[in-house]
Amino acid sequence: MGFSAKQLNLLRRNLDQRHVRSRQANGREFSYLEGWYVISEANRIFGFDGWSRETLESRCVLTRENRGAFLAIYVARVRITVRAKGTTIIREGHGSGESRGLSPAEVHDVAVKAAETDATKRALATFGKPFGLELYRPAKAPPQDAHIEAAQTQGPGTNEGRTGLHPDDTTPIPRPSRYYGRRHTAPITEHFRNERRQLSPSSPVRPAPPLAPSAPELTPGPIDKSALMIAEPKRLRDKAHLKFVASQPCLICGRQPSDPHHLRFAQPRAIGTKVSDEFTVPLCRGHHRQLHQAGNEVAWWEHRKITPLEIAKSLWEQTHPHLMSPDLRAKEILDV
């Protein structure tokens, strides 16, 4: 073997348990090393230019979509090549990766990376303990009766009586005292018991006062934003008026029926809200589409020498005669 004496000493060292992580999967607990740590150990032992990784195979074995959520599972085969004193050592490893999410591209990307990282760790684990070879050894769990018997024979302060932990985890976990809080809760409980004894069955029980007043006059109503210090324009909605505008001929070509077009420059812009229905004029479908494609709506109307605001006002007054001024109403009566 072409490894130096320093490299051999590093490969013979035991794994530092501080870098071991654990996770639950399918009701079992697995111990593993993180991918970044394994790669950093390979750089430290073999050198930054003393080893390389090559992905020989990467394929998707399962992909699924359910109500916008995506699942992808990949398997990968990786080859590790280590160069030491003119000798080339090649190791290969297989791995799998799974990912779930709402973005299909991100799900497949994460699954591929997880599969390649898992295969890299398996290939490097063949070099010895620093790469987590000890973690792949199957641990034979003692029978359940032996755990129960050990827990009964040993005291609560010992570590051998604990079950379901990693064999290298010897840190004692103190159990919470079952008498915690009794000193404070006992007098309070006794106080309520004495009050219950003093309360006779014949004494009337007064209902608790309401937490909030139920008077209808205190219930807040809708806020009229047009009456505020910084007022906002009212955006009126009237389906009957829109239907009336749609029955009018197009202002450009005279076609019928028309679309009720809202004049966007009549009021300040708002997110997801049109202007008031009182600022609508009739346009056929073709000119309506042409107007929306135009960048400057005011210039579009000026080029055709049409004043849409006056037309929209007259149409609104026809469907809302009670809003007309007295002079206009008298003139309309005389014209009739």
Protein backbone atom coordinates (compact mmCIF):
# COMPACT_ATOMS: atom_id res chain seq x y z
CA MET A 1 0.00 0.00 0.00
CA GLY A 2 1.28 3.45 -0.89
CA PHE A 3 -0.03 5.36 2.14
CA SER A 4 2.49 7.19 4.28
CA ALA A 5 3.01 6.45 7.95
CA LYS A 6 1.08 9.60 8.91
CA GLN A 7 -1.85 8.61 6.72
CA LEU A 8 -1.89 5.10 8.18
CA ASN A 9 -2.00 6.49 11.71
CA LEU A 10 -4.91 8.75 10.77
CA LEU A 11 -6.80 5.85 9.15
CA ARG A 12 -6.34 3.68 12.28
CA ARG A 13 -7.78 6.29 14.63
CA ASN A 14 -11.25 5.80 16.06
CA LEU A 15 -14.14 7.97 14.96
CA ASP A 16 -14.81 11.07 17.03
CA GLN A 17 -18.32 10.50 18.40
CA ARG A 18 -19.02 14.22 18.49
CA HIS A 19 -19.56 14.16 14.72
CA VAL A 20 -22.03 11.25 14.75
CA ARG A 21 -25.63 12.23 14.06
CA SER A 22 -28.79 10.15 14.45
CA ARG A 23 -32.23 10.19 12.86
CA GLN A 24 -35.45 8.17 12.98
CA ALA A 25 -36.66 6.32 9.88
CA ASN A 26 -39.30 3.60 9.65
CA GLY A 27 -39.40 3.22 13.42
CA ARG A 28 -35.63 2.71 13.71
CA GLU A 29 -32.76 4.93 14.78
CA PHE A 30 -29.84 5.33 12.38
CA SER A 31 -26.42 6.80 13.12
CA TYR A 32 -24.58 8.57 10.31
CA LEU A 33 -21.93 11.15 9.41
CA GLU A 34 -22.75 14.32 7.54
CA GLY A 35 -21.49 14.57 3.97
CA TRP A 36 -19.45 17.74 4.48
CA TYR A 37 -17.55 16.14 7.38
CA VAL A 38 -16.67 13.02 5.37
CA ILE A 39 -15.35 15.12 2.48
CA SER A 40 -13.32 17.30 4.86
CA GLU A 41 -11.80 14.16 6.44
CA ALA A 42 -10.84 12.88 2.99
CA ASN A 43 -9.13 16.21 2.24
CA ARG A 44 -7.32 16.11 5.58
CA ILE A 45 -6.06 12.52 5.26
CA PHE A 46 -5.49 12.10 1.50
CA GLY A 47 -4.82 15.73 0.59
CA PHE A 48 -6.82 18.15 -1.49
CA ASP A 49 -5.26 16.83 -4.71
CA GLY A 50 -4.77 13.25 -3.56
CA TRP A 51 -8.23 11.91 -4.28
CA SER A 52 -11.14 12.42 -6.69
CA ARG A 53 -14.78 11.45 -7.03
CA GLU A 54 -16.60 10.31 -10.17
CA THR A 55 -20.33 9.65 -10.53
CA LEU A 56 -20.68 6.50 -12.63
CA GLU A 57 -24.46 6.25 -12.57
CA SER A 58 -27.37 8.39 -11.39
CA ARG A 59 -30.96 7.52 -12.24
CA CYS A 60 -34.44 8.25 -10.96
CA VAL A 61 -36.25 5.16 -9.69
CA LEU A 62 -39.46 6.85 -8.55
CA THR A 63 -41.18 10.16 -9.18
CA ARG A 64 -44.66 11.06 -8.10
CA GLU A 65 -46.96 14.09 -7.89
CA ASN A 66 -49.97 14.42 -5.59
CA ARG A 67 -52.00 17.65 -5.34
CA GLY A 68 -49.04 19.89 -6.12
CA ALA A 69 -46.56 18.01 -3.89
CA PHE A 70 -43.71 16.18 -5.65
CA LEU A 71 -41.65 13.15 -4.61
CA ALA A 72 -38.42 11.93 -6.24
CA ILE A 73 -36.09 9.04 -5.35
CA TYR A 74 -32.68 8.58 -7.00
CA VAL A 75 -29.93 5.94 -6.79
CA ALA A 76 -26.31 6.68 -7.64
CA ARG A 77 -22.99 4.83 -7.99
CA VAL A 78 -19.81 6.75 -7.19
CA ARG A 79 -16.15 5.84 -7.70
CA ILE A 80 -13.46 7.15 -5.34
CA THR A 81 -9.88 7.25 -6.65
CA VAL A 82 -7.04 7.81 -4.15
CA ARG A 83 -3.45 8.39 -5.28
CA ALA A 84 -0.66 7.69 -2.80
CA LYS A 85 3.04 7.35 -3.72
CA GLY A 86 2.40 6.19 -7.26
CA THR A 87 -0.33 3.77 -6.20
CA THR A 88 -3.94 4.22 -7.25
CA ILE A 89 -6.67 2.85 -4.98
CA ILE A 90 -10.21 2.68 -6.36
CA ARG A 91 -13.33 2.15 -4.26
CA GLU A 92 -16.97 2.29 -5.33
CA GLY A 93 -20.18 2.80 -3.40
CA HIS A 94 -23.92 2.88 -3.99
CA GLY A 95 -26.38 5.28 -2.39
CA SER A 96 -29.94 6.55 -2.54
CA GLY A 97 -31.58 9.92 -2.01
CA GLU A 98 -35.15 11.07 -1.48
CA SER A 99 -36.71 14.51 -1.56
CA ARG A 100 -40.20 16.00 -1.22
CA GLY A 101 -41.42 19.51 -1.96
CA LEU A 102 -43.57 21.83 -4.03
CA SER A 103 -41.00 22.58 -6.76
CA PRO A 104 -40.27 19.64 -9.12
CA ALA A 105 -36.87 21.01 -10.15
CA GLU A 106 -35.75 21.49 -6.56
CA VAL A 107 -37.06 18.06 -5.54
CA HIS A 108 -35.08 16.25 -8.26
CA ASP A 109 -31.97 18.35 -7.61
CA VAL A 110 -31.96 17.61 -3.87
CA ALA A 111 -32.63 13.90 -4.45
CA VAL A 112 -29.69 13.59 -6.90
CA LYS A 113 -27.32 15.35 -4.50
CA ALA A 114 -28.46 13.20 -1.58
CA ALA A 115 -27.91 9.99 -3.59
CA GLU A 116 -24.40 11.04 -4.69
CA THR A 117 -23.46 12.09 -1.15
CA ASP A 118 -24.73 8.80 0.28
CA ALA A 119 -22.74 6.81 -2.31
CA THR A 120 -19.63 8.89 -1.56
CA LYS A 121 -19.88 8.18 2.15
CA ARG A 122 -20.28 4.43 1.52
CA ALA A 123 -17.26 4.35 -0.76
CA LEU A 124 -15.05 6.29 1.68
CA ALA A 125 -16.24 4.13 4.59
CA THR A 126 -14.18 1.26 3.16
CA PHE A 127 -11.01 3.13 4.15
CA GLY A 128 -11.64 2.63 7.86
CA LYS A 129 -12.93 4.13 11.09
CA PRO A 130 -12.46 7.88 10.41
CA PHE A 131 -15.12 7.63 7.67
CA GLY A 132 -17.74 5.88 9.80
CA LEU A 133 -17.05 2.21 9.00
CA GLU A 134 -18.03 1.31 12.56
CA LEU A 135 -21.51 2.75 12.02
CA TYR A 136 -22.33 0.10 9.39
CA ARG A 137 -21.80 -2.76 11.84
CA PRO A 138 -25.19 -4.28 12.79
CA ALA A 139 -25.85 -3.88 16.49
CA LYS A 140 -27.57 -6.86 18.10
CA ALA A 141 -30.22 -5.57 20.44
CA PRO A 142 -30.70 -7.50 23.70
CA PRO A 143 -34.11 -9.12 24.31
CA GLN A 144 -36.85 -7.07 25.92
CA ASP A 145 -36.88 -9.20 29.09
CA ALA A 146 -33.20 -8.49 29.64
CA HIS A 147 -33.86 -4.73 29.54
CA ILE A 148 -36.68 -5.03 32.06
CA GLU A 149 -34.61 -7.20 34.38
CA ALA A 150 -31.62 -4.86 34.16
CA ALA A 151 -33.82 -1.85 34.91
CA GLN A 152 -35.23 -3.57 38.01
CA THR A 153 -31.87 -4.75 39.41
CA GLN A 154 -29.88 -1.54 38.82
CA GLY A 155 -30.42 1.82 40.45
CA PRO A 156 -31.88 4.86 38.71
CA GLY A 157 -28.51 6.62 38.69
CA THR A 158 -26.70 4.06 36.54
CA ASN A 159 -26.46 4.19 32.76
CA GLU A 160 -26.80 0.45 32.10
CA GLY A 161 -30.49 0.45 32.91
CA ARG A 162 -31.42 2.84 30.10
CA THR A 163 -32.82 1.49 26.85
CA GLY A 164 -33.23 2.87 23.35
CA LEU A 165 -30.01 4.96 23.35
CA HIS A 166 -26.82 4.81 21.33
CA PRO A 167 -24.27 2.37 22.86
CA ASP A 168 -21.66 5.16 23.03
CA ASP A 169 -24.02 7.58 24.76
CA THR A 170 -23.11 7.41 28.44
CA THR A 171 -24.32 10.84 29.50
CA PRO A 172 -26.80 10.38 32.39
CA ILE A 173 -30.16 12.10 31.92
CA PRO A 174 -31.58 13.29 35.25
CA ARG A 175 -35.19 12.36 35.79
CA PRO A 176 -37.58 15.12 36.83
CA SER A 177 -38.71 14.98 40.43
CA ARG A 178 -42.27 13.77 40.87
CA TYR A 179 -42.68 16.12 43.85
CA TYR A 180 -41.92 19.24 41.85
CA GLY A 181 -44.40 21.97 42.62
CA ARG A 182 -46.27 20.19 45.46
CA ARG A 183 -45.22 22.78 48.02
CA HIS A 184 -46.91 25.55 46.05
CA THR A 185 -49.98 23.79 44.75
CA ALA A 186 -51.10 22.17 48.01
CA PRO A 187 -52.09 25.42 49.83
CA ILE A 188 -53.93 26.68 46.74
CA THR A 189 -55.89 23.44 46.45
CA GLU A 190 -56.76 23.57 50.15
CA HIS A 191 -57.93 27.17 49.80
CA PHE A 192 -60.44 26.28 47.06
CA ARG A 193 -61.67 23.31 49.08
CA ASN A 194 -62.42 25.52 52.09
CA GLU A 195 -64.32 27.98 49.92
CA ARG A 196 -66.40 25.15 48.49
CA ARG A 197 -67.27 23.91 51.98
CA GLN A 198 -68.33 27.39 53.14
CA LEU A 199 -70.63 27.86 50.15
CA SER A 200 -74.05 26.56 51.19
CA PRO A 201 -76.31 24.82 48.65
CA SER A 202 -79.11 27.38 49.17
CA SER A 203 -77.02 30.44 48.42
CA PRO A 204 -77.58 31.77 44.91
CA VAL A 205 -74.70 31.53 42.50
CA ARG A 206 -74.02 34.82 40.78
CA PRO A 207 -73.04 34.54 37.15
CA ALA A 208 -69.69 35.87 36.12
CA PRO A 209 -69.69 39.29 34.47
CA PRO A 210 -69.30 39.25 30.69
CA LEU A 211 -65.80 39.73 29.37
CA ALA A 212 -66.94 42.20 26.69
CA PRO A 213 -70.02 44.46 26.49
CA SER A 214 -72.75 43.07 24.26
CA ALA A 215 -74.53 46.35 23.57
CA PRO A 216 -75.29 46.76 19.87
CA GLU A 217 -74.36 50.44 19.91
CA LEU A 218 -70.78 49.57 20.90
CA THR A 219 -70.28 47.23 17.95
CA PRO A 220 -68.01 48.96 15.44
CA GLY A 221 -69.44 49.37 11.95
CA PRO A 222 -67.75 49.71 8.59
CA ILE A 223 -65.34 52.64 8.27
CA ASP A 224 -66.07 55.27 5.65
CA LYS A 225 -62.57 55.94 4.34
CA SER A 226 -63.76 58.93 2.32
CA ALA A 227 -64.39 60.82 5.60
CA LEU A 228 -60.88 60.30 7.00
CA MET A 229 -58.24 63.00 7.26
CA ILE A 230 -56.43 61.43 4.30
CA ALA A 231 -59.48 60.36 2.34
CA GLU A 232 -59.63 57.55 -0.17
CA PRO A 233 -61.90 57.71 -3.21
CA LYS A 234 -65.08 55.68 -3.13
CA ARG A 235 -65.26 52.79 -5.56
CA LEU A 236 -68.94 52.19 -6.20
CA ARG A 237 -70.21 48.90 -7.60
CA ASP A 238 -73.47 48.67 -9.60
CA LYS A 239 -74.15 45.62 -11.79
CA ALA A 240 -77.28 47.19 -13.26
CA HIS A 241 -75.26 50.19 -14.45
CA LEU A 242 -72.63 47.93 -16.06
CA LYS A 243 -75.39 46.07 -17.87
CA PHE A 244 -76.81 49.39 -19.09
CA VAL A 245 -73.39 50.52 -20.37
CA ALA A 246 -72.91 47.18 -22.16
CA SER A 247 -76.17 47.77 -24.03
CA GLN A 248 -74.89 51.04 -25.50
CA PRO A 249 -73.09 51.20 -28.90
CA CYS A 250 -69.29 51.37 -29.07
CA LEU A 251 -67.93 54.93 -28.87
CA ILE A 252 -65.50 54.25 -31.73
CA CYS A 253 -67.34 52.11 -34.30
CA GLY A 254 -70.94 51.94 -33.00
CA ARG A 255 -71.08 48.14 -32.72
CA GLN A 256 -73.35 46.38 -30.23
CA PRO A 257 -73.17 44.83 -27.72
CA SER A 258 -70.21 46.43 -25.98
CA ASP A 259 -67.95 45.85 -23.02
CA PRO A 260 -68.14 48.26 -20.06
CA HIS A 261 -64.61 49.65 -19.98
CA HIS A 262 -63.37 51.18 -16.68
CA LEU A 263 -61.37 54.35 -17.19
CA ARG A 264 -58.18 53.55 -15.32
CA PHE A 265 -57.01 57.17 -15.06
CA ALA A 266 -60.23 58.37 -13.39
CA GLN A 267 -59.10 57.34 -9.89
CA PRO A 268 -55.79 56.48 -8.20
CA ARG A 269 -54.54 52.98 -8.90
CA ALA A 270 -55.12 50.24 -6.32
CA ILE A 271 -53.83 46.67 -6.08
CA GLY A 272 -56.39 44.29 -7.56
CA THR A 273 -59.20 46.89 -7.51
CA LYS A 274 -60.82 48.61 -10.46
CA VAL A 275 -62.03 52.17 -10.49
CA SER A 276 -65.60 52.97 -9.55
CA ASP A 277 -68.36 51.72 -11.87
CA GLU A 278 -69.43 55.30 -12.50
CA PHE A 279 -66.33 55.73 -14.72
CA THR A 280 -67.29 53.21 -17.41
CA VAL A 281 -67.87 53.70 -21.14
CA PRO A 282 -69.02 51.27 -23.85
CA LEU A 283 -66.39 49.78 -26.19
CA CYS A 284 -66.66 46.81 -28.53
CA ARG A 285 -64.46 43.80 -27.91
CA GLY A 286 -61.91 44.77 -30.56
CA HIS A 287 -61.41 48.36 -29.43
CA HIS A 288 -61.53 47.27 -25.79
CA ARG A 289 -58.62 44.88 -26.41
CA GLN A 290 -56.78 47.56 -28.41
CA LEU A 291 -57.13 50.07 -25.56
CA HIS A 292 -55.72 47.63 -22.99
CA GLN A 293 -52.75 46.99 -25.26
CA ALA A 294 -52.04 50.69 -25.53
CA GLY A 295 -49.59 52.07 -23.04
CA ASN A 296 -51.05 55.55 -22.47
CA GLU A 297 -54.83 55.47 -22.15
CA VAL A 298 -55.21 59.26 -21.97
CA ALA A 299 -53.29 59.68 -25.25
CA TRP A 300 -55.39 56.94 -26.84
CA TRP A 301 -58.59 58.88 -26.14
CA GLU A 302 -57.07 62.26 -27.13
CA HIS A 303 -55.97 60.82 -30.47
CA ARG A 304 -59.64 59.98 -31.22
CA LYS A 305 -60.85 63.36 -29.83
CA ILE A 306 -63.25 61.76 -27.33
CA THR A 307 -63.81 62.90 -23.74
CA PRO A 308 -64.66 59.64 -21.97
CA LEU A 309 -65.13 61.17 -18.51
CA GLU A 310 -68.05 63.34 -19.67
CA ILE A 311 -69.66 60.38 -21.44
CA ALA A 312 -69.24 58.19 -18.37
CA LYS A 313 -70.82 60.91 -16.20
CA SER A 314 -73.84 61.21 -18.48
CA LEU A 315 -74.35 57.44 -18.51
CA TRP A 316 -74.12 57.33 -14.71
CA GLU A 317 -76.70 60.11 -14.38
CA GLN A 318 -79.10 58.18 -16.62
CA THR A 319 -79.08 55.18 -14.28
CA HIS A 320 -78.89 57.32 -11.12
CA PRO A 321 -81.26 60.28 -11.70
CA HIS A 322 -81.42 61.11 -7.98
CA LEU A 323 -77.73 62.17 -8.14
CA MET A 324 -78.32 64.77 -10.88
CA SER A 325 -78.15 68.45 -10.02
CA PRO A 326 -81.52 70.34 -9.88
CA ASP A 327 -80.66 72.42 -12.97
CA LEU A 328 -79.88 69.38 -15.11
CA ARG A 329 -83.01 67.61 -13.89
CA ALA A 330 -85.22 70.61 -14.75
CA LYS A 331 -83.59 70.86 -18.18
CA GLU A 332 -84.22 67.20 -18.84
CA ILE A 333 -87.89 67.57 -17.86
CA LEU A 334 -88.31 70.54 -20.20
CA ASP A 335 -86.69 68.63 -23.06
CA VAL A 336 -89.17 65.80 -22.59
